[in-house]
Amino acid sequence: MRTYRSWRRGNQAIEFALVMPVLLAVVAATIDWGFFWHAKFHLVNSLHVGARSAAFADADGVPLEVATSVAGATFAESGLNLIQPEFTSGFQGADPDVMVWVTGAASFEPFIGFIPTPSGVEYTVTMRMGDQDAGP
């Protein structure tokens, strides 16, 4: 004759079988989305540093080259070797409001891939050149 305890063990196994896939999906989503936001944070940070360096670079330092090289070096310091962003930069506007912009774009592959994540990240930072007149 079966006792209450033996029936309870069967219920626990069924509950575990029902809950475990949901729990694994939540863990997979947390890992993939966490890595995505971590990579985006470091990309945006490196773009800010590159744009700021270009905004205050002297004319001899070729601000656009300074922007891309500093942004690339800053991103390399983050230790994220799994994604390799490409940096571009340019000018927009006219004196006294010349702006330098730096764009970084990288493709992104999730670790697990069970939950859909964005396939890439792209961001642009714009800063006013620092050696201009303050205006009227």
N, C-alpha and C. Protein backbone atom coordinates (compact mmCIF):
# COMPACT_ATOMS: atom_id res chain seq x y z
N MET A 1 0.84 -1.18 0.00
CA MET A 1 0.00 0.00 0.00
C MET A 1 0.89 1.25 0.00
N ARG A 2 0.51 2.20 -0.83
CA ARG A 2 1.29 3.44 -0.94
C ARG A 2 0.91 4.38 0.20
N THR A 3 1.94 5.07 0.63
CA THR A 3 1.71 6.04 1.70
C THR A 3 1.67 7.44 1.11
N TYR A 4 1.28 8.37 1.94
CA TYR A 4 1.21 9.77 1.52
C TYR A 4 2.58 10.26 1.07
N ARG A 5 3.62 9.84 1.74
CA ARG A 5 4.97 10.30 1.44
C ARG A 5 5.41 9.86 0.04
N SER A 6 5.10 8.69 -0.39
CA SER A 6 5.48 8.22 -1.72
C SER A 6 4.74 9.00 -2.81
N TRP A 7 3.49 9.37 -2.58
CA TRP A 7 2.76 10.19 -3.54
C TRP A 7 3.37 11.59 -3.60
N ARG A 8 3.81 12.09 -2.49
CA ARG A 8 4.40 13.43 -2.44
C ARG A 8 5.69 13.49 -3.26
N ARG A 9 6.49 12.42 -3.24
CA ARG A 9 7.71 12.40 -4.03
C ARG A 9 7.41 12.49 -5.52
N GLY A 10 6.39 11.88 -5.96
CA GLY A 10 6.00 11.95 -7.36
C GLY A 10 5.57 13.35 -7.75
N ASN A 11 4.86 14.02 -6.86
CA ASN A 11 4.44 15.40 -7.13
C ASN A 11 5.64 16.34 -7.25
N GLN A 12 6.62 16.15 -6.41
CA GLN A 12 7.81 17.00 -6.45
C GLN A 12 8.56 16.81 -7.76
N ALA A 13 8.64 15.61 -8.25
CA ALA A 13 9.32 15.36 -9.52
C ALA A 13 8.58 16.02 -10.68
N ILE A 14 7.27 15.97 -10.67
CA ILE A 14 6.49 16.61 -11.72
C ILE A 14 6.63 18.13 -11.65
N GLU A 15 6.57 18.69 -10.46
CA GLU A 15 6.74 20.13 -10.30
C GLU A 15 8.13 20.58 -10.77
N PHE A 16 9.14 19.81 -10.43
CA PHE A 16 10.50 20.12 -10.87
C PHE A 16 10.59 20.09 -12.39
N ALA A 17 9.98 19.09 -13.02
CA ALA A 17 10.02 18.96 -14.48
C ALA A 17 9.28 20.12 -15.15
N LEU A 18 8.27 20.67 -14.53
CA LEU A 18 7.54 21.79 -15.11
C LEU A 18 8.24 23.13 -14.90
N VAL A 19 8.90 23.29 -13.78
CA VAL A 19 9.51 24.58 -13.44
C VAL A 19 10.92 24.72 -14.02
N MET A 20 11.64 23.65 -14.16
CA MET A 20 13.04 23.71 -14.59
C MET A 20 13.24 24.37 -15.96
N PRO A 21 12.48 24.07 -17.00
CA PRO A 21 12.69 24.76 -18.27
C PRO A 21 12.48 26.28 -18.18
N VAL A 22 11.52 26.70 -17.41
CA VAL A 22 11.28 28.13 -17.24
C VAL A 22 12.46 28.77 -16.52
N LEU A 23 12.96 28.11 -15.50
CA LEU A 23 14.10 28.63 -14.76
C LEU A 23 15.34 28.71 -15.65
N LEU A 24 15.58 27.70 -16.46
CA LEU A 24 16.72 27.72 -17.37
C LEU A 24 16.59 28.83 -18.42
N ALA A 25 15.38 29.08 -18.89
CA ALA A 25 15.16 30.16 -19.86
C ALA A 25 15.45 31.52 -19.22
N VAL A 26 15.06 31.71 -17.98
CA VAL A 26 15.33 32.96 -17.28
C VAL A 26 16.83 33.14 -17.08
N VAL A 27 17.54 32.10 -16.72
CA VAL A 27 18.99 32.18 -16.54
C VAL A 27 19.68 32.48 -17.87
N ALA A 28 19.25 31.81 -18.95
CA ALA A 28 19.84 32.05 -20.27
C ALA A 28 19.61 33.49 -20.71
N ALA A 29 18.40 34.00 -20.50
CA ALA A 29 18.10 35.38 -20.87
C ALA A 29 18.93 36.36 -20.06
N THR A 30 19.11 36.09 -18.79
CA THR A 30 19.91 36.96 -17.93
C THR A 30 21.36 37.01 -18.40
N ILE A 31 21.92 35.88 -18.76
CA ILE A 31 23.31 35.85 -19.22
C ILE A 31 23.46 36.60 -20.55
N ASP A 32 22.60 36.30 -21.52
CA ASP A 32 22.73 36.92 -22.84
C ASP A 32 22.47 38.42 -22.79
N TRP A 33 21.39 38.83 -22.14
CA TRP A 33 21.09 40.27 -22.07
C TRP A 33 22.09 41.01 -21.20
N GLY A 34 22.58 40.37 -20.15
CA GLY A 34 23.61 41.00 -19.32
C GLY A 34 24.89 41.25 -20.11
N PHE A 35 25.30 40.27 -20.92
CA PHE A 35 26.48 40.48 -21.75
C PHE A 35 26.25 41.57 -22.79
N PHE A 36 25.04 41.61 -23.37
CA PHE A 36 24.72 42.65 -24.35
C PHE A 36 24.84 44.04 -23.72
N TRP A 37 24.25 44.25 -22.55
CA TRP A 37 24.29 45.56 -21.90
C TRP A 37 25.70 45.90 -21.43
N HIS A 38 26.45 44.90 -21.03
CA HIS A 38 27.84 45.12 -20.62
C HIS A 38 28.67 45.60 -21.82
N ALA A 39 28.49 44.96 -22.97
CA ALA A 39 29.22 45.36 -24.18
C ALA A 39 28.79 46.75 -24.62
N LYS A 40 27.50 47.05 -24.56
CA LYS A 40 27.01 48.37 -24.96
C LYS A 40 27.56 49.45 -24.04
N PHE A 41 27.60 49.19 -22.74
CA PHE A 41 28.14 50.15 -21.80
C PHE A 41 29.58 50.50 -22.14
N HIS A 42 30.41 49.49 -22.40
CA HIS A 42 31.82 49.75 -22.71
C HIS A 42 31.98 50.45 -24.06
N LEU A 43 31.12 50.14 -25.02
CA LEU A 43 31.17 50.82 -26.32
C LEU A 43 30.83 52.30 -26.16
N VAL A 44 29.76 52.60 -25.45
CA VAL A 44 29.35 54.00 -25.25
C VAL A 44 30.41 54.77 -24.46
N ASN A 45 30.98 54.14 -23.46
CA ASN A 45 32.02 54.79 -22.68
C ASN A 45 33.23 55.12 -23.54
N SER A 46 33.65 54.19 -24.39
CA SER A 46 34.81 54.45 -25.24
C SER A 46 34.51 55.54 -26.27
N LEU A 47 33.27 55.61 -26.74
CA LEU A 47 32.90 56.68 -27.67
C LEU A 47 32.94 58.05 -27.00
N HIS A 48 32.49 58.13 -25.76
CA HIS A 48 32.53 59.40 -25.03
C HIS A 48 33.97 59.85 -24.83
N VAL A 49 34.84 58.93 -24.47
CA VAL A 49 36.25 59.28 -24.26
C VAL A 49 36.88 59.72 -25.57
N GLY A 50 36.59 59.02 -26.66
CA GLY A 50 37.13 59.40 -27.96
C GLY A 50 36.64 60.74 -28.44
N ALA A 51 35.35 61.01 -28.28
CA ALA A 51 34.80 62.29 -28.71
C ALA A 51 35.35 63.43 -27.87
N ARG A 52 35.50 63.22 -26.59
CA ARG A 52 36.06 64.27 -25.73
C ARG A 52 37.51 64.54 -26.08
N SER A 53 38.27 63.49 -26.36
CA SER A 53 39.67 63.69 -26.76
C SER A 53 39.77 64.46 -28.07
N ALA A 54 38.89 64.15 -29.01
CA ALA A 54 38.90 64.84 -30.30
C ALA A 54 38.45 66.29 -30.15
N ALA A 55 37.50 66.55 -29.27
CA ALA A 55 36.97 67.90 -29.11
C ALA A 55 38.04 68.85 -28.55
N PHE A 56 38.96 68.32 -27.77
CA PHE A 56 39.99 69.17 -27.19
C PHE A 56 41.37 68.94 -27.80
N ALA A 57 41.44 68.20 -28.90
CA ALA A 57 42.72 68.00 -29.59
C ALA A 57 43.08 69.27 -30.36
N ASP A 58 44.37 69.56 -30.42
CA ASP A 58 44.78 70.72 -31.21
C ASP A 58 44.67 70.39 -32.70
N ALA A 59 44.73 71.41 -33.52
CA ALA A 59 44.54 71.22 -34.96
C ALA A 59 45.63 70.33 -35.56
N ASP A 60 46.81 70.32 -34.96
CA ASP A 60 47.89 69.49 -35.49
C ASP A 60 47.67 68.02 -35.18
N GLY A 61 46.83 67.73 -34.18
CA GLY A 61 46.62 66.35 -33.76
C GLY A 61 45.61 65.60 -34.59
N VAL A 62 45.06 66.23 -35.63
CA VAL A 62 44.06 65.64 -36.50
C VAL A 62 42.96 65.00 -35.63
N PRO A 63 41.97 65.80 -35.23
CA PRO A 63 40.96 65.34 -34.27
C PRO A 63 40.23 64.05 -34.64
N LEU A 64 40.01 63.81 -35.93
CA LEU A 64 39.28 62.61 -36.30
C LEU A 64 40.10 61.35 -36.05
N GLU A 65 41.39 61.42 -36.32
CA GLU A 65 42.26 60.28 -36.02
C GLU A 65 42.38 60.07 -34.52
N VAL A 66 42.43 61.18 -33.77
CA VAL A 66 42.49 61.08 -32.31
C VAL A 66 41.22 60.41 -31.79
N ALA A 67 40.07 60.78 -32.34
CA ALA A 67 38.80 60.23 -31.87
C ALA A 67 38.75 58.72 -32.05
N THR A 68 39.07 58.23 -33.23
CA THR A 68 38.96 56.79 -33.48
C THR A 68 40.03 56.00 -32.74
N SER A 69 41.25 56.54 -32.67
CA SER A 69 42.31 55.79 -31.98
C SER A 69 42.08 55.74 -30.48
N VAL A 70 41.65 56.84 -29.88
CA VAL A 70 41.39 56.85 -28.44
C VAL A 70 40.18 55.97 -28.11
N ALA A 71 39.13 56.02 -28.93
CA ALA A 71 37.96 55.17 -28.69
C ALA A 71 38.35 53.69 -28.80
N GLY A 72 39.14 53.34 -29.80
CA GLY A 72 39.58 51.95 -29.94
C GLY A 72 40.45 51.49 -28.79
N ALA A 73 41.36 52.36 -28.34
CA ALA A 73 42.22 52.00 -27.21
C ALA A 73 41.43 51.85 -25.92
N THR A 74 40.46 52.73 -25.72
CA THR A 74 39.63 52.65 -24.51
C THR A 74 38.79 51.38 -24.51
N PHE A 75 38.24 51.02 -25.67
CA PHE A 75 37.46 49.78 -25.73
C PHE A 75 38.35 48.56 -25.54
N ALA A 76 39.57 48.60 -26.04
CA ALA A 76 40.49 47.47 -25.87
C ALA A 76 40.83 47.25 -24.39
N GLU A 77 40.86 48.33 -23.62
CA GLU A 77 41.14 48.22 -22.19
C GLU A 77 40.02 47.53 -21.43
N SER A 78 38.82 47.48 -22.01
CA SER A 78 37.69 46.87 -21.32
C SER A 78 37.83 45.36 -21.22
N GLY A 79 38.64 44.76 -22.08
CA GLY A 79 38.84 43.32 -22.03
C GLY A 79 37.79 42.51 -22.76
N LEU A 80 36.91 43.15 -23.50
CA LEU A 80 35.89 42.44 -24.26
C LEU A 80 36.47 42.04 -25.61
N ASN A 81 37.07 40.88 -25.69
CA ASN A 81 37.70 40.43 -26.91
C ASN A 81 36.72 39.71 -27.83
N LEU A 82 35.51 39.45 -27.36
CA LEU A 82 34.54 38.70 -28.16
C LEU A 82 33.90 39.55 -29.24
N ILE A 83 33.86 40.87 -29.06
CA ILE A 83 33.30 41.74 -30.10
C ILE A 83 34.37 42.73 -30.51
N GLN A 84 34.40 43.05 -31.79
CA GLN A 84 35.38 43.98 -32.34
C GLN A 84 34.63 45.12 -33.02
N PRO A 85 34.44 46.23 -32.33
CA PRO A 85 33.70 47.35 -32.94
C PRO A 85 34.54 48.09 -33.97
N GLU A 86 33.85 48.73 -34.88
CA GLU A 86 34.49 49.61 -35.85
C GLU A 86 34.10 51.04 -35.50
N PHE A 87 35.09 51.92 -35.48
CA PHE A 87 34.87 53.31 -35.10
C PHE A 87 35.04 54.21 -36.31
N THR A 88 34.12 55.14 -36.49
CA THR A 88 34.23 56.17 -37.52
C THR A 88 33.97 57.52 -36.87
N SER A 89 34.47 58.57 -37.50
CA SER A 89 34.27 59.91 -36.94
C SER A 89 34.19 60.93 -38.06
N GLY A 90 33.67 62.09 -37.73
CA GLY A 90 33.53 63.15 -38.72
C GLY A 90 33.15 64.46 -38.06
N PHE A 91 33.04 65.48 -38.89
CA PHE A 91 32.63 66.79 -38.42
C PHE A 91 31.25 67.12 -38.95
N GLN A 92 30.54 67.96 -38.23
CA GLN A 92 29.28 68.50 -38.72
C GLN A 92 29.13 69.91 -38.20
N GLY A 93 28.38 70.71 -38.92
CA GLY A 93 28.14 72.09 -38.51
C GLY A 93 29.19 73.03 -39.07
N ALA A 94 29.00 74.31 -38.77
CA ALA A 94 29.91 75.36 -39.23
C ALA A 94 30.35 76.20 -38.03
N ASP A 95 31.47 76.90 -38.20
CA ASP A 95 32.02 77.72 -37.13
C ASP A 95 30.98 78.75 -36.70
N PRO A 96 30.67 78.98 -35.49
CA PRO A 96 31.34 78.56 -34.27
C PRO A 96 30.74 77.30 -33.64
N ASP A 97 29.94 76.58 -34.36
CA ASP A 97 29.32 75.38 -33.79
C ASP A 97 29.75 74.11 -34.51
N VAL A 98 31.04 73.94 -34.69
CA VAL A 98 31.54 72.71 -35.31
C VAL A 98 31.49 71.60 -34.26
N MET A 99 30.91 70.50 -34.66
CA MET A 99 30.78 69.35 -33.77
C MET A 99 31.59 68.20 -34.34
N VAL A 100 32.15 67.39 -33.46
CA VAL A 100 32.80 66.16 -33.87
C VAL A 100 31.91 65.01 -33.42
N TRP A 101 31.72 64.03 -34.30
CA TRP A 101 30.91 62.87 -33.94
C TRP A 101 31.76 61.61 -34.08
N VAL A 102 31.50 60.67 -33.22
CA VAL A 102 32.19 59.38 -33.25
C VAL A 102 31.11 58.30 -33.17
N THR A 103 31.17 57.35 -34.09
CA THR A 103 30.22 56.25 -34.12
C THR A 103 30.96 54.94 -33.94
N GLY A 104 30.39 54.08 -33.13
CA GLY A 104 30.94 52.74 -32.95
C GLY A 104 29.86 51.72 -33.25
N ALA A 105 30.21 50.70 -34.01
CA ALA A 105 29.26 49.65 -34.35
C ALA A 105 29.95 48.30 -34.21
N ALA A 106 29.22 47.35 -33.66
CA ALA A 106 29.76 46.00 -33.49
C ALA A 106 28.64 44.99 -33.62
N SER A 107 28.97 43.84 -34.17
CA SER A 107 27.99 42.76 -34.21
C SER A 107 28.06 42.01 -32.89
N PHE A 108 26.96 41.43 -32.52
CA PHE A 108 26.85 40.78 -31.21
C PHE A 108 26.29 39.38 -31.37
N GLU A 109 26.97 38.42 -30.80
CA GLU A 109 26.49 37.04 -30.78
C GLU A 109 26.27 36.64 -29.33
N PRO A 110 25.08 36.19 -28.99
CA PRO A 110 24.83 35.79 -27.61
C PRO A 110 25.58 34.51 -27.25
N PHE A 111 25.81 34.30 -25.96
CA PHE A 111 26.47 33.09 -25.50
C PHE A 111 25.60 31.86 -25.72
N ILE A 112 24.35 31.96 -25.30
CA ILE A 112 23.47 30.80 -25.32
C ILE A 112 22.56 30.83 -26.53
N GLY A 113 21.95 31.94 -26.82
CA GLY A 113 21.13 32.10 -28.00
C GLY A 113 19.73 31.53 -27.90
N PHE A 114 19.32 31.13 -26.73
CA PHE A 114 17.98 30.57 -26.55
C PHE A 114 16.92 31.65 -26.59
N ILE A 115 17.25 32.81 -26.05
CA ILE A 115 16.35 33.96 -26.02
C ILE A 115 16.84 34.97 -27.06
N PRO A 116 15.96 35.54 -27.88
CA PRO A 116 16.41 36.50 -28.90
C PRO A 116 17.03 37.75 -28.28
N THR A 117 18.14 38.16 -28.83
CA THR A 117 18.82 39.39 -28.42
C THR A 117 19.16 40.18 -29.69
N PRO A 118 19.47 41.45 -29.55
CA PRO A 118 19.86 42.22 -30.74
C PRO A 118 21.12 41.63 -31.39
N SER A 119 21.18 41.73 -32.72
CA SER A 119 22.32 41.15 -33.43
C SER A 119 23.51 42.11 -33.50
N GLY A 120 23.31 43.33 -33.10
CA GLY A 120 24.40 44.29 -33.13
C GLY A 120 24.09 45.48 -32.26
N VAL A 121 25.13 46.27 -32.03
CA VAL A 121 24.97 47.48 -31.25
C VAL A 121 25.67 48.60 -32.00
N GLU A 122 25.01 49.76 -32.08
CA GLU A 122 25.59 50.93 -32.75
C GLU A 122 25.20 52.16 -31.94
N TYR A 123 26.15 53.06 -31.78
CA TYR A 123 25.91 54.25 -30.98
C TYR A 123 26.75 55.39 -31.53
N THR A 124 26.25 56.61 -31.42
CA THR A 124 26.96 57.79 -31.88
C THR A 124 27.01 58.83 -30.77
N VAL A 125 28.17 59.41 -30.57
CA VAL A 125 28.37 60.49 -29.59
C VAL A 125 28.83 61.73 -30.35
N THR A 126 28.21 62.87 -30.03
CA THR A 126 28.55 64.14 -30.68
C THR A 126 28.98 65.14 -29.61
N MET A 127 30.09 65.85 -29.86
CA MET A 127 30.58 66.88 -28.93
C MET A 127 31.00 68.11 -29.71
N ARG A 128 30.82 69.25 -29.07
CA ARG A 128 31.22 70.53 -29.66
C ARG A 128 32.73 70.66 -29.53
N MET A 129 33.37 71.13 -30.60
CA MET A 129 34.81 71.34 -30.58
C MET A 129 35.16 72.39 -29.52
N GLY A 130 36.19 72.14 -28.76
CA GLY A 130 36.50 72.98 -27.61
C GLY A 130 37.29 74.23 -27.91
N ASP A 131 37.90 74.36 -29.08
CA ASP A 131 38.74 75.52 -29.37
C ASP A 131 38.02 76.60 -30.15
N GLN A 132 36.70 76.63 -30.11
CA GLN A 132 35.93 77.63 -30.85
C GLN A 132 35.58 78.82 -29.96
N ASP A 133 35.20 79.89 -30.62
CA ASP A 133 34.73 81.05 -29.86
C ASP A 133 33.43 80.69 -29.15
N ALA A 134 33.19 81.38 -28.05
CA ALA A 134 31.97 81.11 -27.28
C ALA A 134 30.73 81.59 -28.00
N GLY A 135 30.88 82.37 -29.03
CA GLY A 135 29.70 82.90 -29.75
C GLY A 135 29.40 84.32 -29.32
N PRO A 136 28.38 84.93 -29.91
CA PRO A 136 28.04 86.32 -29.57
C PRO A 136 27.49 86.48 -28.17
